[in-house]
Amino acid sequence: MAKRKTAETASTEDVKKEATTETVKKTTTRKTTTKKAAAAAVTISKEDFIAEVEKRSYALFEERQRSGKEGNSLTDWLEAEAEIKAKYGL
């Protein structure tokens, strides 16, 4: 004797079928201009970048000397470089 489907099991099976046959819509995101993207659009020459890093590196050196923190010129340079890259979105 075959089992009869109850209304509950029939609706569950219908939902499963619908889920498997449902088409997936592809959504695209719209790109918007943000401050970060606008900052990235600003170009800086290699010479200007290096000059800015030099100035900031020296300022970090002076701050480090006044405060008595440990460090060296390489860490000052790398920190300055990271700050300038972030500033221009590089």
C-alpha atoms as a PDB file:
ATOM      1  CA  MET A   1       0.000   0.000   0.000  1.00  0.00           C
ATOM      2  CA  ALA A   2       1.404   3.414  -0.986  1.00  0.00           C
ATOM      3  CA  LYS A   3       1.653   6.203   1.540  1.00  0.00           C
ATOM      4  CA  ARG A   4      -0.532   9.209   0.971  1.00  0.00           C
ATOM      5  CA  LYS A   5       1.064  12.612   0.978  1.00  0.00           C
ATOM      6  CA  THR A   6      -0.203  14.935   3.580  1.00  0.00           C
ATOM      7  CA  ALA A   7      -0.708  18.623   2.828  1.00  0.00           C
ATOM      8  CA  GLU A   8       2.364  19.476   4.915  1.00  0.00           C
ATOM      9  CA  THR A   9       4.753  17.121   3.103  1.00  0.00           C
ATOM     10  CA  ALA A  10       3.344  18.110  -0.273  1.00  0.00           C
ATOM     11  CA  SER A  11       3.975  21.804   0.399  1.00  0.00           C
ATOM     12  CA  THR A  12       7.488  21.079   1.681  1.00  0.00           C
ATOM     13  CA  GLU A  13       8.275  19.192  -1.521  1.00  0.00           C
ATOM     14  CA  ASP A  14       6.844  22.037  -3.606  1.00  0.00           C
ATOM     15  CA  VAL A  15       9.082  24.540  -1.803  1.00  0.00           C
ATOM     16  CA  LYS A  16      12.135  22.350  -2.434  1.00  0.00           C
ATOM     17  CA  LYS A  17      11.274  22.088  -6.130  1.00  0.00           C
ATOM     18  CA  GLU A  18      10.799  25.829  -6.394  1.00  0.00           C
ATOM     19  CA  ALA A  19      14.120  26.434  -4.672  1.00  0.00           C
ATOM     20  CA  THR A  20      15.973  24.163  -7.081  1.00  0.00           C
ATOM     21  CA  THR A  21      14.293  25.486 -10.228  1.00  0.00           C
ATOM     22  CA  GLU A  22      14.400  29.159  -9.240  1.00  0.00           C
ATOM     23  CA  THR A  23      16.683  31.224 -11.432  1.00  0.00           C
ATOM     24  CA  VAL A  24      19.374  33.228  -9.748  1.00  0.00           C
ATOM     25  CA  LYS A  25      19.494  36.877 -10.687  1.00  0.00           C
ATOM     26  CA  LYS A  26      22.907  38.416 -10.985  1.00  0.00           C
ATOM     27  CA  THR A  27      23.180  41.746  -9.263  1.00  0.00           C
ATOM     28  CA  THR A  28      25.781  44.319 -10.052  1.00  0.00           C
ATOM     29  CA  THR A  29      26.956  47.020  -7.757  1.00  0.00           C
ATOM     30  CA  ARG A  30      27.131  50.575  -8.926  1.00  0.00           C
ATOM     31  CA  LYS A  31      30.468  52.211  -8.405  1.00  0.00           C
ATOM     32  CA  THR A  32      30.347  55.551  -6.712  1.00  0.00           C
ATOM     33  CA  THR A  33      33.049  58.083  -6.248  1.00  0.00           C
ATOM     34  CA  THR A  34      34.158  58.351  -2.665  1.00  0.00           C
ATOM     35  CA  LYS A  35      36.698  60.585  -1.007  1.00  0.00           C
ATOM     36  CA  LYS A  36      39.176  57.713  -1.076  1.00  0.00           C
ATOM     37  CA  ALA A  37      38.631  57.194  -4.797  1.00  0.00           C
ATOM     38  CA  ALA A  38      38.896  60.928  -5.397  1.00  0.00           C
ATOM     39  CA  ALA A  39      42.162  61.035  -3.447  1.00  0.00           C
ATOM     40  CA  ALA A  40      43.464  58.145  -5.526  1.00  0.00           C
ATOM     41  CA  ALA A  41      42.775  60.160  -8.667  1.00  0.00           C
ATOM     42  CA  VAL A  42      45.344  62.745  -7.533  1.00  0.00           C
ATOM     43  CA  THR A  43      48.662  62.023  -9.122  1.00  0.00           C
ATOM     44  CA  ILE A  44      52.004  62.858  -7.616  1.00  0.00           C
ATOM     45  CA  SER A  45      55.360  62.751  -9.311  1.00  0.00           C
ATOM     46  CA  LYS A  46      58.075  60.461  -8.029  1.00  0.00           C
ATOM     47  CA  GLU A  47      60.227  63.439  -7.061  1.00  0.00           C
ATOM     48  CA  ASP A  48      57.405  65.126  -5.137  1.00  0.00           C
ATOM     49  CA  PHE A  49      56.578  61.849  -3.383  1.00  0.00           C
ATOM     50  CA  ILE A  50      60.173  61.368  -2.255  1.00  0.00           C
ATOM     51  CA  ALA A  51      60.446  64.991  -1.149  1.00  0.00           C
ATOM     52  CA  GLU A  52      57.288  64.643   0.937  1.00  0.00           C
ATOM     53  CA  VAL A  53      58.542  61.405   2.481  1.00  0.00           C
ATOM     54  CA  GLU A  54      61.864  63.073   3.316  1.00  0.00           C
ATOM     55  CA  LYS A  55      60.131  65.966   5.092  1.00  0.00           C
ATOM     56  CA  ARG A  56      57.814  63.679   7.066  1.00  0.00           C
ATOM     57  CA  SER A  57      60.659  61.289   7.902  1.00  0.00           C
ATOM     58  CA  TYR A  58      62.711  64.166   9.336  1.00  0.00           C
ATOM     59  CA  ALA A  59      59.709  65.356  11.349  1.00  0.00           C
ATOM     60  CA  LEU A  60      59.303  61.834  12.759  1.00  0.00           C
ATOM     61  CA  PHE A  61      63.022  61.794  13.607  1.00  0.00           C
ATOM     62  CA  GLU A  62      62.699  65.083  15.512  1.00  0.00           C
ATOM     63  CA  GLU A  63      59.612  63.831  17.377  1.00  0.00           C
ATOM     64  CA  ARG A  64      61.452  60.638  18.276  1.00  0.00           C
ATOM     65  CA  GLN A  65      64.480  62.590  19.561  1.00  0.00           C
ATOM     66  CA  ARG A  66      62.338  64.891  21.718  1.00  0.00           C
ATOM     67  CA  SER A  67      60.354  62.060  23.241  1.00  0.00           C
ATOM     68  CA  GLY A  68      63.337  59.755  23.753  1.00  0.00           C
ATOM     69  CA  LYS A  69      61.710  56.863  21.898  1.00  0.00           C
ATOM     70  CA  GLU A  70      63.863  54.161  20.386  1.00  0.00           C
ATOM     71  CA  GLY A  71      64.085  53.847  16.654  1.00  0.00           C
ATOM     72  CA  ASN A  72      66.262  54.625  13.680  1.00  0.00           C
ATOM     73  CA  SER A  73      66.188  56.427  10.371  1.00  0.00           C
ATOM     74  CA  LEU A  74      64.859  53.377   8.533  1.00  0.00           C
ATOM     75  CA  THR A  75      61.784  53.075  10.759  1.00  0.00           C
ATOM     76  CA  ASP A  76      61.213  56.827  10.419  1.00  0.00           C
ATOM     77  CA  TRP A  77      61.417  56.558   6.624  1.00  0.00           C
ATOM     78  CA  LEU A  78      59.121  53.543   6.391  1.00  0.00           C
ATOM     79  CA  GLU A  79      56.517  55.146   8.648  1.00  0.00           C
ATOM     80  CA  ALA A  80      56.655  58.377   6.641  1.00  0.00           C
ATOM     81  CA  GLU A  81      56.374  56.450   3.374  1.00  0.00           C
ATOM     82  CA  ALA A  82      53.324  54.552   4.629  1.00  0.00           C
ATOM     83  CA  GLU A  83      51.644  57.804   5.720  1.00  0.00           C
ATOM     84  CA  ILE A  84      52.253  59.504   2.357  1.00  0.00           C
ATOM     85  CA  LYS A  85      51.056  56.446   0.421  1.00  0.00           C
ATOM     86  CA  ALA A  86      47.855  56.422   2.483  1.00  0.00           C
ATOM     87  CA  LYS A  87      47.429  60.148   1.910  1.00  0.00           C
ATOM     88  CA  TYR A  88      47.495  59.708  -1.879  1.00  0.00           C
ATOM     89  CA  GLY A  89      45.840  56.289  -1.965  1.00  0.00           C
ATOM     90  CA  LEU A  90      48.872  54.547  -3.402  1.00  0.00           C
END
